[in-house]
PDB file of N, CA and C in Angstrom:
ATOM      1  N   MET A   1      60.058 141.072 -19.069  1.00  0.00           N
ATOM      2  CA  MET A   1      60.283 140.289 -20.337  1.00  0.00           C
ATOM      3  C   MET A   1      61.313 140.796 -21.123  1.00  0.00           C
ATOM      4  N   SER A   2      61.857 140.193 -21.652  1.00  0.00           N
ATOM      5  CA  SER A   2      63.003 140.404 -22.690  1.00  0.00           C
ATOM      6  C   SER A   2      62.356 140.268 -24.008  1.00  0.00           C
ATOM      7  N   GLU A   3      63.224 141.485 -24.859  1.00  0.00           N
ATOM      8  CA  GLU A   3      62.661 141.430 -26.414  1.00  0.00           C
ATOM      9  C   GLU A   3      62.542 140.187 -27.197  1.00  0.00           C
ATOM     10  N   ALA A   4      63.202 139.190 -26.622  1.00  0.00           N
ATOM     11  CA  ALA A   4      63.189 138.066 -27.183  1.00  0.00           C
ATOM     12  C   ALA A   4      62.170 136.975 -26.843  1.00  0.00           C
ATOM     13  N   GLU A   5      61.922 136.872 -25.515  1.00  0.00           N
ATOM     14  CA  GLU A   5      60.482 136.410 -25.143  1.00  0.00           C
ATOM     15  C   GLU A   5      59.343 137.239 -25.754  1.00  0.00           C
ATOM     16  N   GLU A   6      59.448 138.076 -25.802  1.00  0.00           N
ATOM     17  CA  GLU A   6      58.138 138.873 -26.343  1.00  0.00           C
ATOM     18  C   GLU A   6      57.975 138.581 -27.690  1.00  0.00           C
ATOM     19  N   LEU A   7      58.635 137.856 -28.337  1.00  0.00           N
ATOM     20  CA  LEU A   7      58.803 138.022 -29.680  1.00  0.00           C
ATOM     21  C   LEU A   7      58.779 136.210 -30.198  1.00  0.00           C
ATOM     22  N   ASN A   8      58.908 135.816 -28.833  1.00  0.00           N
ATOM     23  CA  ASN A   8      58.354 134.111 -28.502  1.00  0.00           C
ATOM     24  C   ASN A   8      57.080 134.027 -29.369  1.00  0.00           C
ATOM     25  N   PRO A   9      57.147 132.404 -30.569  1.00  0.00           N
ATOM     26  CA  PRO A   9      55.877 132.359 -31.561  1.00  0.00           C
ATOM     27  C   PRO A   9      55.226 131.500 -30.803  1.00  0.00           C
ATOM     28  N   ARG A  10      55.345 130.873 -29.380  1.00  0.00           N
ATOM     29  CA  ARG A  10      54.796 129.762 -28.945  1.00  0.00           C
ATOM     30  C   ARG A  10      52.924 130.748 -28.624  1.00  0.00           C
ATOM     31  N   ARG A  11      53.156 131.879 -28.202  1.00  0.00           N
ATOM     32  CA  ARG A  11      52.199 132.512 -27.782  1.00  0.00           C
ATOM     33  C   ARG A  11      51.218 132.285 -29.109  1.00  0.00           C
ATOM     34  N   LEU A  12      51.654 133.001 -30.403  1.00  0.00           N
ATOM     35  CA  LEU A  12      50.825 133.062 -31.479  1.00  0.00           C
ATOM     36  C   LEU A  12      50.202 131.617 -31.923  1.00  0.00           C
ATOM     37  N   ILE A  13      51.161 130.350 -31.531  1.00  0.00           N
ATOM     38  CA  ILE A  13      50.900 129.007 -32.221  1.00  0.00           C
ATOM     39  C   ILE A  13      49.639 128.695 -30.941  1.00  0.00           C
ATOM     40  N   ASP A  14      49.917 128.829 -29.908  1.00  0.00           N
ATOM     41  CA  ASP A  14      48.641 128.145 -28.827  1.00  0.00           C
ATOM     42  C   ASP A  14      47.452 129.345 -29.459  1.00  0.00           C
ATOM     43  N   ASN A  15      47.529 130.876 -29.614  1.00  0.00           N
ATOM     44  CA  ASN A  15      46.169 131.522 -30.193  1.00  0.00           C
ATOM     45  C   ASN A  15      45.417 130.733 -31.425  1.00  0.00           C
ATOM     46  N   ILE A  16      46.626 130.560 -32.401  1.00  0.00           N
ATOM     47  CA  ILE A  16      46.247 130.066 -33.545  1.00  0.00           C
ATOM     48  C   ILE A  16      45.739 128.720 -33.154  1.00  0.00           C
ATOM     49  N   LYS A  17      45.926 127.703 -32.593  1.00  0.00           N
ATOM     50  CA  LYS A  17      45.215 126.441 -32.405  1.00  0.00           C
ATOM     51  C   LYS A  17      44.090 126.447 -31.671  1.00  0.00           C
ATOM     52  N   GLN A  18      43.843 127.903 -30.719  1.00  0.00           N
ATOM     53  CA  GLN A  18      42.435 127.914 -30.196  1.00  0.00           C
ATOM     54  C   GLN A  18      41.391 128.614 -31.195  1.00  0.00           C
ATOM     55  N   ILE A  19      42.249 129.230 -32.239  1.00  0.00           N
ATOM     56  CA  ILE A  19      41.209 129.904 -33.384  1.00  0.00           C
ATOM     57  C   ILE A  19      40.766 128.722 -34.164  1.00  0.00           C
ATOM     58  N   VAL A  20      41.446 127.919 -34.334  1.00  0.00           N
ATOM     59  CA  VAL A  20      41.244 126.537 -35.705  1.00  0.00           C
ATOM     60  C   VAL A  20      40.389 126.099 -34.969  1.00  0.00           C
ATOM     61  N   ASP A  21      40.761 125.260 -33.586  1.00  0.00           N
ATOM     62  CA  ASP A  21      39.530 124.560 -32.993  1.00  0.00           C
ATOM     63  C   ASP A  21      38.194 125.064 -33.017  1.00  0.00           C
ATOM     64  N   LYS A  22      37.720 126.510 -33.155  1.00  0.00           N
ATOM     65  CA  LYS A  22      36.618 127.196 -33.022  1.00  0.00           C
ATOM     66  C   LYS A  22      36.134 128.084 -34.239  1.00  0.00           C
ATOM     67  N   THR A  23      37.008 127.865 -34.988  1.00  0.00           N
ATOM     68  CA  THR A  23      36.519 128.639 -36.532  1.00  0.00           C
ATOM     69  C   THR A  23      36.154 128.221 -37.733  1.00  0.00           C
ATOM     70  N   VAL A  24      35.640 128.266 -38.546  1.00  0.00           N
ATOM     71  CA  VAL A  24      35.693 127.805 -40.099  1.00  0.00           C
ATOM     72  C   VAL A  24      36.785 128.566 -40.555  1.00  0.00           C
ATOM     73  N   ILE A  25      37.448 127.829 -41.429  1.00  0.00           N
ATOM     74  CA  ILE A  25      38.612 128.586 -42.048  1.00  0.00           C
ATOM     75  C   ILE A  25      38.776 128.439 -43.553  1.00  0.00           C
ATOM     76  N   ASP A  26      39.062 129.450 -43.814  1.00  0.00           N
ATOM     77  CA  ASP A  26      38.802 129.680 -45.443  1.00  0.00           C
ATOM     78  C   ASP A  26      40.385 129.988 -45.579  1.00  0.00           C
ATOM     79  N   ALA A  27      40.582 130.114 -47.291  1.00  0.00           N
ATOM     80  CA  ALA A  27      41.639 130.201 -47.669  1.00  0.00           C
ATOM     81  C   ALA A  27      42.365 131.132 -47.437  1.00  0.00           C
ATOM     82  N   VAL A  28      41.882 132.314 -47.388  1.00  0.00           N
ATOM     83  CA  VAL A  28      42.540 133.940 -46.738  1.00  0.00           C
ATOM     84  C   VAL A  28      43.183 133.372 -45.394  1.00  0.00           C
ATOM     85  N   PHE A  29      42.273 132.809 -44.609  1.00  0.00           N
ATOM     86  CA  PHE A  29      42.639 132.773 -43.327  1.00  0.00           C
ATOM     87  C   PHE A  29      44.250 131.655 -43.305  1.00  0.00           C
ATOM     88  N   LEU A  30      44.112 130.604 -44.150  1.00  0.00           N
ATOM     89  CA  LEU A  30      44.983 130.141 -44.044  1.00  0.00           C
ATOM     90  C   LEU A  30      46.390 130.500 -44.641  1.00  0.00           C
ATOM     91  N   ARG A  31      46.228 131.375 -45.188  1.00  0.00           N
ATOM     92  CA  ARG A  31      47.221 131.939 -46.463  1.00  0.00           C
ATOM     93  C   ARG A  31      48.114 133.160 -45.062  1.00  0.00           C
ATOM     94  N   ARG A  32      46.910 133.729 -44.259  1.00  0.00           N
ATOM     95  CA  ARG A  32      47.543 134.553 -43.387  1.00  0.00           C
ATOM     96  C   ARG A  32      48.139 133.857 -41.997  1.00  0.00           C
ATOM     97  N   ILE A  33      47.616 132.780 -41.877  1.00  0.00           N
ATOM     98  CA  ILE A  33      48.465 131.912 -40.954  1.00  0.00           C
ATOM     99  C   ILE A  33      49.775 131.425 -41.187  1.00  0.00           C
ATOM    100  N   ALA A  34      50.113 131.138 -42.294  1.00  0.00           N
ATOM    101  CA  ALA A  34      51.341 130.702 -42.674  1.00  0.00           C
ATOM    102  C   ALA A  34      52.301 131.662 -42.697  1.00  0.00           C
ATOM    103  N   SER A  35      51.970 132.788 -43.440  1.00  0.00           N
ATOM    104  CA  SER A  35      52.809 134.085 -43.044  1.00  0.00           C
ATOM    105  C   SER A  35      53.162 134.259 -41.798  1.00  0.00           C
ATOM    106  N   ALA A  36      51.930 134.660 -40.970  1.00  0.00           N
ATOM    107  CA  ALA A  36      52.254 135.302 -39.945  1.00  0.00           C
ATOM    108  C   ALA A  36      53.251 134.045 -38.794  1.00  0.00           C
ATOM    109  N   LEU A  37      52.855 132.934 -38.893  1.00  0.00           N
ATOM    110  CA  LEU A  37      53.765 131.648 -38.558  1.00  0.00           C
ATOM    111  C   LEU A  37      55.163 132.183 -39.100  1.00  0.00           C
ATOM    112  N   PHE A  38      55.613 132.072 -40.178  1.00  0.00           N
ATOM    113  CA  PHE A  38      56.636 132.313 -40.755  1.00  0.00           C
ATOM    114  C   PHE A  38      57.622 133.335 -40.271  1.00  0.00           C
ATOM    115  N   PHE A  39      56.423 134.758 -40.222  1.00  0.00           N
ATOM    116  CA  PHE A  39      57.254 135.732 -39.808  1.00  0.00           C
ATOM    117  C   PHE A  39      57.954 135.810 -38.283  1.00  0.00           C
ATOM    118  N   SER A  40      56.767 135.035 -37.560  1.00  0.00           N
ATOM    119  CA  SER A  40      56.967 135.333 -36.151  1.00  0.00           C
ATOM    120  C   SER A  40      58.437 134.207 -36.014  1.00  0.00           C
ATOM    121  N   LEU A  41      58.330 133.282 -36.269  1.00  0.00           N
ATOM    122  CA  LEU A  41      59.620 132.230 -36.279  1.00  0.00           C
ATOM    123  C   LEU A  41      60.788 133.374 -36.800  1.00  0.00           C
ATOM    124  N   TYR A  42      60.820 133.953 -37.845  1.00  0.00           N
ATOM    125  CA  TYR A  42      61.958 134.819 -38.322  1.00  0.00           C
ATOM    126  C   TYR A  42      62.206 135.544 -37.326  1.00  0.00           C
ATOM    127  N   ASN A  43      61.073 136.264 -36.742  1.00  0.00           N
ATOM    128  CA  ASN A  43      61.471 137.414 -36.363  1.00  0.00           C
ATOM    129  C   ASN A  43      62.205 136.914 -34.875  1.00  0.00           C
ATOM    130  N   TYR A  44      61.904 136.089 -34.092  1.00  0.00           N
ATOM    131  CA  TYR A  44      62.352 135.361 -32.882  1.00  0.00           C
ATOM    132  C   TYR A  44      63.709 134.997 -33.199  1.00  0.00           C
ATOM    133  N   TRP A  45      64.036 134.266 -34.408  1.00  0.00           N
ATOM    134  CA  TRP A  45      65.461 134.009 -34.744  1.00  0.00           C
ATOM    135  C   TRP A  45      66.042 135.119 -34.899  1.00  0.00           C
ATOM    136  N   ALA A  46      65.649 135.953 -35.539  1.00  0.00           N
ATOM    137  CA  ALA A  46      66.827 137.594 -35.755  1.00  0.00           C
ATOM    138  C   ALA A  46      66.718 138.436 -34.518  1.00  0.00           C
ATOM    139  N   ILE A  47      65.892 138.233 -33.638  1.00  0.00           N
ATOM    140  CA  ILE A  47      66.317 138.800 -32.576  1.00  0.00           C
ATOM    141  C   ILE A  47      67.443 138.133 -31.312  1.00  0.00           C
ATOM    142  N   LYS A  48      66.976 136.422 -31.684  1.00  0.00           N
ATOM    143  CA  LYS A  48      67.832 135.829 -30.476  1.00  0.00           C
ATOM    144  C   LYS A  48      69.299 135.979 -31.535  1.00  0.00           C
ATOM    145  N   SER A  49      69.806 136.040 -32.439  1.00  0.00           N
ATOM    146  CA  SER A  49      70.866 135.593 -33.478  1.00  0.00           C
ATOM    147  C   SER A  49      71.605 137.329 -33.464  1.00  0.00           C
ATOM    148  N   TYR A  50      70.755 138.435 -33.101  1.00  0.00           N
ATOM    149  CA  TYR A  50      71.461 139.866 -32.771  1.00  0.00           C
ATOM    150  C   TYR A  50      72.050 139.798 -31.424  1.00  0.00           C
ATOM    151  N   LYS A  51      70.920 139.201 -30.563  1.00  0.00           N
ATOM    152  CA  LYS A  51      71.432 139.379 -28.931  1.00  0.00           C
ATOM    153  C   LYS A  51      72.736 138.585 -28.849  1.00  0.00           C
ATOM    154  N   LEU A  52      72.962 137.078 -29.159  1.00  0.00           N
ATOM    155  CA  LEU A  52      74.033 136.201 -29.600  1.00  0.00           C
ATOM    156  C   LEU A  52      74.963 136.950 -30.038  1.00  0.00           C
ATOM    157  N   TYR A  53      74.572 137.537 -31.079  1.00  0.00           N
ATOM    158  CA  TYR A  53      76.195 138.262 -31.937  1.00  0.00           C
ATOM    159  C   TYR A  53      76.627 139.196 -30.988  1.00  0.00           C
ATOM    160  N   ASN A  54      76.014 140.280 -30.253  1.00  0.00           N
ATOM    161  CA  ASN A  54      76.039 141.569 -29.614  1.00  0.00           C
ATOM    162  C   ASN A  54      77.102 140.706 -28.085  1.00  0.00           C
ATOM    163  N   LYS A  55      76.781 139.525 -27.576  1.00  0.00           N
ATOM    164  CA  LYS A  55      77.239 139.211 -26.538  1.00  0.00           C
ATOM    165  C   LYS A  55      78.790 138.750 -26.687  1.00  0.00           C
ATOM    166  N   ARG A  56      79.014 138.448 -28.010  1.00  0.00           N
ATOM    167  CA  ARG A  56      80.639 138.079 -28.443  1.00  0.00           C
ATOM    168  C   ARG A  56      81.550 139.148 -28.342  1.00  0.00           C
ATOM    169  N   TYR A  57      80.829 140.248 -28.623  1.00  0.00           N
ATOM    170  CA  TYR A  57      82.018 141.367 -28.605  1.00  0.00           C
ATOM    171  C   TYR A  57      81.561 142.448 -27.370  1.00  0.00           C
ATOM    172  N   THR A  58      82.749 142.671 -27.002  1.00  0.00           N
ATOM    173  CA  THR A  58      82.794 143.807 -25.509  1.00  0.00           C
ATOM    174  C   THR A  58      82.602 145.385 -26.098  1.00  0.00           C
ATOM    175  N   ASN A  59      83.064 145.346 -27.607  1.00  0.00           N
ATOM    176  CA  ASN A  59      83.591 146.825 -27.726  1.00  0.00           C
ATOM    177  C   ASN A  59      81.873 147.199 -28.799  1.00  0.00           C
ATOM    178  N   PRO A  60      81.406 148.147 -28.380  1.00  0.00           N
ATOM    179  CA  PRO A  60      80.066 148.252 -28.595  1.00  0.00           C
ATOM    180  C   PRO A  60      79.895 148.925 -30.108  1.00  0.00           C
ATOM    181  N   SER A  61      81.121 149.599 -30.366  1.00  0.00           N
ATOM    182  CA  SER A  61      81.085 149.962 -31.671  1.00  0.00           C
ATOM    183  C   SER A  61      81.218 148.902 -32.555  1.00  0.00           C
ATOM    184  N   ARG A  62      81.298 147.961 -32.420  1.00  0.00           N
ATOM    185  CA  ARG A  62      81.904 146.611 -33.435  1.00  0.00           C
ATOM    186  C   ARG A  62      80.777 145.743 -33.071  1.00  0.00           C
ATOM    187  N   ALA A  63      79.973 145.863 -31.764  1.00  0.00           N
ATOM    188  CA  ALA A  63      79.071 144.546 -31.658  1.00  0.00           C
ATOM    189  C   ALA A  63      77.823 144.925 -32.287  1.00  0.00           C
ATOM    190  N   SER A  64      77.290 146.199 -33.013  1.00  0.00           N
ATOM    191  CA  SER A  64      76.110 146.397 -33.407  1.00  0.00           C
ATOM    192  C   SER A  64      76.375 146.794 -34.904  1.00  0.00           C
ATOM    193  N   LYS A  65      77.683 147.001 -35.752  1.00  0.00           N
ATOM    194  CA  LYS A  65      78.043 147.368 -36.866  1.00  0.00           C
ATOM    195  C   LYS A  65      77.160 146.112 -37.921  1.00  0.00           C
ATOM    196  N   ASN A  66      76.593 146.729 -38.818  1.00  0.00           N
ATOM    197  CA  ASN A  66      76.139 145.643 -39.817  1.00  0.00           C
ATOM    198  C   ASN A  66      75.315 144.521 -39.281  1.00  0.00           C
ATOM    199  N   GLN A  67      74.876 144.507 -37.749  1.00  0.00           N
ATOM    200  CA  GLN A  67      74.384 143.211 -37.411  1.00  0.00           C
ATOM    201  C   GLN A  67      72.575 143.223 -37.446  1.00  0.00           C
ATOM    202  N   ASP A  68      72.212 144.072 -38.290  1.00  0.00           N
ATOM    203  CA  ASP A  68      70.927 144.657 -38.163  1.00  0.00           C
ATOM    204  C   ASP A  68      70.088 143.602 -39.881  1.00  0.00           C
ATOM    205  N   ASN A  69      71.011 143.066 -40.338  1.00  0.00           N
ATOM    206  CA  ASN A  69      70.618 142.619 -41.711  1.00  0.00           C
ATOM    207  C   ASN A  69      70.522 140.878 -41.480  1.00  0.00           C
ATOM    208  N   PHE A  70      69.373 140.462 -41.558  1.00  0.00           N
ATOM    209  CA  PHE A  70      68.879 138.675 -41.368  1.00  0.00           C
ATOM    210  C   PHE A  70      68.283 138.574 -42.586  1.00  0.00           C
ATOM    211  N   PRO A  71      69.107 138.058 -43.474  1.00  0.00           N
ATOM    212  CA  PRO A  71      68.349 137.848 -44.631  1.00  0.00           C
ATOM    213  C   PRO A  71      67.354 136.504 -44.615  1.00  0.00           C
ATOM    214  N   HIS A  72      66.378 136.111 -45.091  1.00  0.00           N
ATOM    215  CA  HIS A  72      65.417 135.003 -45.056  1.00  0.00           C
ATOM    216  C   HIS A  72      66.366 133.878 -45.243  1.00  0.00           C
ATOM    217  N   SER A  73      67.391 133.922 -46.100  1.00  0.00           N
ATOM    218  CA  SER A  73      68.200 132.742 -46.555  1.00  0.00           C
ATOM    219  C   SER A  73      69.287 132.239 -45.440  1.00  0.00           C
ATOM    220  N   GLU A  74      69.646 132.872 -44.310  1.00  0.00           N
ATOM    221  CA  GLU A  74      70.309 132.665 -42.798  1.00  0.00           C
ATOM    222  C   GLU A  74      69.317 131.901 -42.506  1.00  0.00           C
ATOM    223  N   PHE A  75      68.332 132.557 -42.200  1.00  0.00           N
ATOM    224  CA  PHE A  75      67.129 131.904 -41.447  1.00  0.00           C
ATOM    225  C   PHE A  75      66.947 130.321 -41.624  1.00  0.00           C
ATOM    226  N   ILE A  76      66.418 130.095 -42.957  1.00  0.00           N
ATOM    227  CA  ILE A  76      66.546 129.097 -43.610  1.00  0.00           C
ATOM    228  C   ILE A  76      67.755 127.782 -43.378  1.00  0.00           C
ATOM    229  N   GLU A  77      69.018 128.832 -43.568  1.00  0.00           N
ATOM    230  CA  GLU A  77      70.435 127.740 -43.520  1.00  0.00           C
ATOM    231  C   GLU A  77      69.932 127.110 -42.097  1.00  0.00           C
ATOM    232  N   GLU A  78      69.993 128.045 -41.403  1.00  0.00           N
ATOM    233  CA  GLU A  78      69.880 127.533 -39.690  1.00  0.00           C
ATOM    234  C   GLU A  78      69.541 126.542 -39.240  1.00  0.00           C
ATOM    235  N   MET A  79      68.237 127.101 -40.013  1.00  0.00           N
ATOM    236  CA  MET A  79      66.864 126.145 -39.389  1.00  0.00           C
ATOM    237  C   MET A  79      67.184 124.590 -40.334  1.00  0.00           C
ATOM    238  N   THR A  80      67.442 124.683 -41.341  1.00  0.00           N
ATOM    239  CA  THR A  80      67.687 123.383 -42.020  1.00  0.00           C
ATOM    240  C   THR A  80      69.196 122.721 -40.757  1.00  0.00           C
ATOM    241  N   GLU A  81      69.981 123.132 -40.678  1.00  0.00           N
ATOM    242  CA  GLU A  81      71.084 122.945 -40.107  1.00  0.00           C
ATOM    243  C   GLU A  81      70.691 122.335 -38.811  1.00  0.00           C
ATOM    244  N   LYS A  82      69.658 122.545 -38.247  1.00  0.00           N
ATOM    245  CA  LYS A  82      69.072 121.976 -36.828  1.00  0.00           C
ATOM    246  C   LYS A  82      68.153 121.003 -36.945  1.00  0.00           C
ATOM    247  N   GLY A  83      67.772 120.493 -38.377  1.00  0.00           N
ATOM    248  CA  GLY A  83      66.877 119.318 -38.400  1.00  0.00           C
ATOM    249  C   GLY A  83      65.810 119.732 -38.535  1.00  0.00           C
ATOM    250  N   PHE A  84      65.243 121.134 -39.117  1.00  0.00           N
ATOM    251  CA  PHE A  84      64.051 121.697 -39.320  1.00  0.00           C
ATOM    252  C   PHE A  84      63.677 121.799 -40.956  1.00  0.00           C
ATOM    253  N   ASP A  85      64.647 120.909 -41.743  1.00  0.00           N
ATOM    254  CA  ASP A  85      64.649 121.613 -42.899  1.00  0.00           C
ATOM    255  C   ASP A  85      63.329 121.500 -43.860  1.00  0.00           C
ATOM    256  N   GLU A  86      62.690 119.807 -43.533  1.00  0.00           N
ATOM    257  CA  GLU A  86      61.435 119.691 -43.701  1.00  0.00           C
ATOM    258  C   GLU A  86      60.199 121.064 -43.594  1.00  0.00           C
ATOM    259  N   GLU A  87      60.452 121.134 -42.699  1.00  0.00           N
ATOM    260  CA  GLU A  87      59.697 121.772 -41.895  1.00  0.00           C
ATOM    261  C   GLU A  87      59.360 123.503 -42.123  1.00  0.00           C
ATOM    262  N   ILE A  88      60.734 123.751 -42.000  1.00  0.00           N
ATOM    263  CA  ILE A  88      60.603 125.210 -42.476  1.00  0.00           C
ATOM    264  C   ILE A  88      60.803 125.702 -43.916  1.00  0.00           C
ATOM    265  N   ARG A  89      61.116 124.422 -44.667  1.00  0.00           N
ATOM    266  CA  ARG A  89      61.029 124.915 -46.239  1.00  0.00           C
ATOM    267  C   ARG A  89      59.319 124.882 -46.885  1.00  0.00           C
ATOM    268  N   GLU A  90      58.558 123.512 -45.776  1.00  0.00           N
ATOM    269  CA  GLU A  90      57.447 123.839 -46.182  1.00  0.00           C
ATOM    270  C   GLU A  90      56.582 125.250 -45.859  1.00  0.00           C
ATOM    271  N   LEU A  91      57.590 125.743 -44.635  1.00  0.00           N
ATOM    272  CA  LEU A  91      56.048 126.917 -44.259  1.00  0.00           C
ATOM    273  C   LEU A  91      56.649 127.813 -45.214  1.00  0.00           C
ATOM    274  N   TYR A  92      58.237 128.177 -45.332  1.00  0.00           N
ATOM    275  CA  TYR A  92      58.692 129.359 -46.232  1.00  0.00           C
ATOM    276  C   TYR A  92      57.689 129.245 -47.384  1.00  0.00           C
ATOM    277  N   LEU A  93      57.606 127.986 -48.300  1.00  0.00           N
ATOM    278  CA  LEU A  93      57.112 127.788 -49.383  1.00  0.00           C
ATOM    279  C   LEU A  93      55.437 128.175 -49.241  1.00  0.00           C
ATOM    280  N   TYR A  94      54.836 127.993 -48.353  1.00  0.00           N
ATOM    281  CA  TYR A  94      53.425 128.270 -48.304  1.00  0.00           C
ATOM    282  C   TYR A  94      53.608 130.219 -47.690  1.00  0.00           C
ATOM    283  N   ARG A  95      54.528 130.511 -47.215  1.00  0.00           N
ATOM    284  CA  ARG A  95      54.580 132.090 -47.126  1.00  0.00           C
ATOM    285  C   ARG A  95      54.569 132.455 -48.317  1.00  0.00           C
ATOM    286  N   VAL A  96      55.714 131.895 -49.320  1.00  0.00           N
ATOM    287  CA  VAL A  96      55.852 132.780 -50.708  1.00  0.00           C
ATOM    288  C   VAL A  96      54.358 132.768 -51.069  1.00  0.00           C
ATOM    289  N   LEU A  97      54.005 131.131 -51.266  1.00  0.00           N
ATOM    290  CA  LEU A  97      52.756 131.370 -52.044  1.00  0.00           C
ATOM    291  C   LEU A  97      51.416 132.233 -51.564  1.00  0.00           C
ATOM    292  N   ALA A  98      50.918 132.486 -50.026  1.00  0.00           N
ATOM    293  CA  ALA A  98      50.479 133.121 -49.448  1.00  0.00           C
ATOM    294  C   ALA A  98      50.659 134.762 -49.954  1.00  0.00           C
ATOM    295  N   ASP A  99      51.716 135.111 -50.190  1.00  0.00           N
ATOM    296  CA  ASP A  99      52.266 136.483 -50.650  1.00  0.00           C
ATOM    297  C   ASP A  99      52.074 136.679 -52.331  1.00  0.00           C
ATOM    298  N   HIS A 100      52.451 135.415 -52.720  1.00  0.00           N
ATOM    299  CA  HIS A 100      52.424 135.541 -54.199  1.00  0.00           C
ATOM    300  C   HIS A 100      50.392 135.822 -54.576  1.00  0.00           C
ATOM    301  N   TYR A 101      49.673 134.780 -53.803  1.00  0.00           N
ATOM    302  CA  TYR A 101      48.749 135.288 -54.101  1.00  0.00           C
ATOM    303  C   TYR A 101      47.839 136.593 -53.606  1.00  0.00           C
ATOM    304  N   ALA A 102      48.317 137.081 -52.645  1.00  0.00           N
ATOM    305  CA  ALA A 102      47.879 138.608 -52.173  1.00  0.00           C
ATOM    306  C   ALA A 102      48.218 139.769 -53.065  1.00  0.00           C
ATOM    307  N   LEU A 103      49.760 139.595 -53.937  1.00  0.00           N
ATOM    308  CA  LEU A 103      50.176 140.241 -55.116  1.00  0.00           C
ATOM    309  C   LEU A 103      49.176 139.942 -56.780  1.00  0.00           C
ATOM    310  N   ASN A 104      48.901 138.644 -56.453  1.00  0.00           N
ATOM    311  CA  ASN A 104      48.449 138.408 -57.799  1.00  0.00           C
ATOM    312  C   ASN A 104      47.181 137.345 -57.777  1.00  0.00           C
ATOM    313  N   PRO A 105      45.928 137.895 -57.361  1.00  0.00           N
ATOM    314  CA  PRO A 105      44.683 136.998 -57.175  1.00  0.00           C
ATOM    315  C   PRO A 105      44.271 136.991 -58.400  1.00  0.00           C
ATOM    316  N   THR A 106      43.685 135.381 -58.320  1.00  0.00           N
ATOM    317  CA  THR A 106      43.260 134.777 -59.474  1.00  0.00           C
ATOM    318  C   THR A 106      42.011 134.836 -59.214  1.00  0.00           C
ATOM    319  N   GLY A 107      40.968 134.676 -60.231  1.00  0.00           N
ATOM    320  CA  GLY A 107      39.374 134.584 -60.227  1.00  0.00           C
ATOM    321  C   GLY A 107      38.980 134.410 -61.115  1.00  0.00           C
ATOM    322  N   ASN A 108      37.563 134.724 -61.288  1.00  0.00           N
ATOM    323  CA  ASN A 108      36.771 134.798 -62.712  1.00  0.00           C
ATOM    324  C   ASN A 108      36.647 136.323 -63.681  1.00  0.00           C
ATOM    325  N   LYS A 109      36.923 137.216 -62.623  1.00  0.00           N
ATOM    326  CA  LYS A 109      37.085 138.436 -63.289  1.00  0.00           C
ATOM    327  C   LYS A 109      37.771 138.459 -64.726  1.00  0.00           C
ATOM    328  N   CYS A 110      37.160 139.046 -65.301  1.00  0.00           N
ATOM    329  CA  CYS A 110      37.617 139.520 -66.830  1.00  0.00           C
ATOM    330  C   CYS A 110      37.905 141.001 -67.195  1.00  0.00           C
TER     331      CYS A 110
END
């Protein structure tokens, strides 16, 4: 199995569907799902981008030079160019909200 196939998010999505069908879901679980889905898609895109870039160059010293940096903005831009603008922006928003909550939880504590 290739590195890209190992990072393919389809298995994660199928597992989440099975869990959701059988489990009572709370807010923490939903936040974790949003974050996991976003990063699963992002990692899959990054490895595919890295492999595609390295195939373009035959000179090994040039192929991997500075190509291990994949900003979220590039990922979102490419997804929107492919027609996933609403879906990827919503998932990104959920991921940011999940991380914000984890770092700044609210509650009735004084």
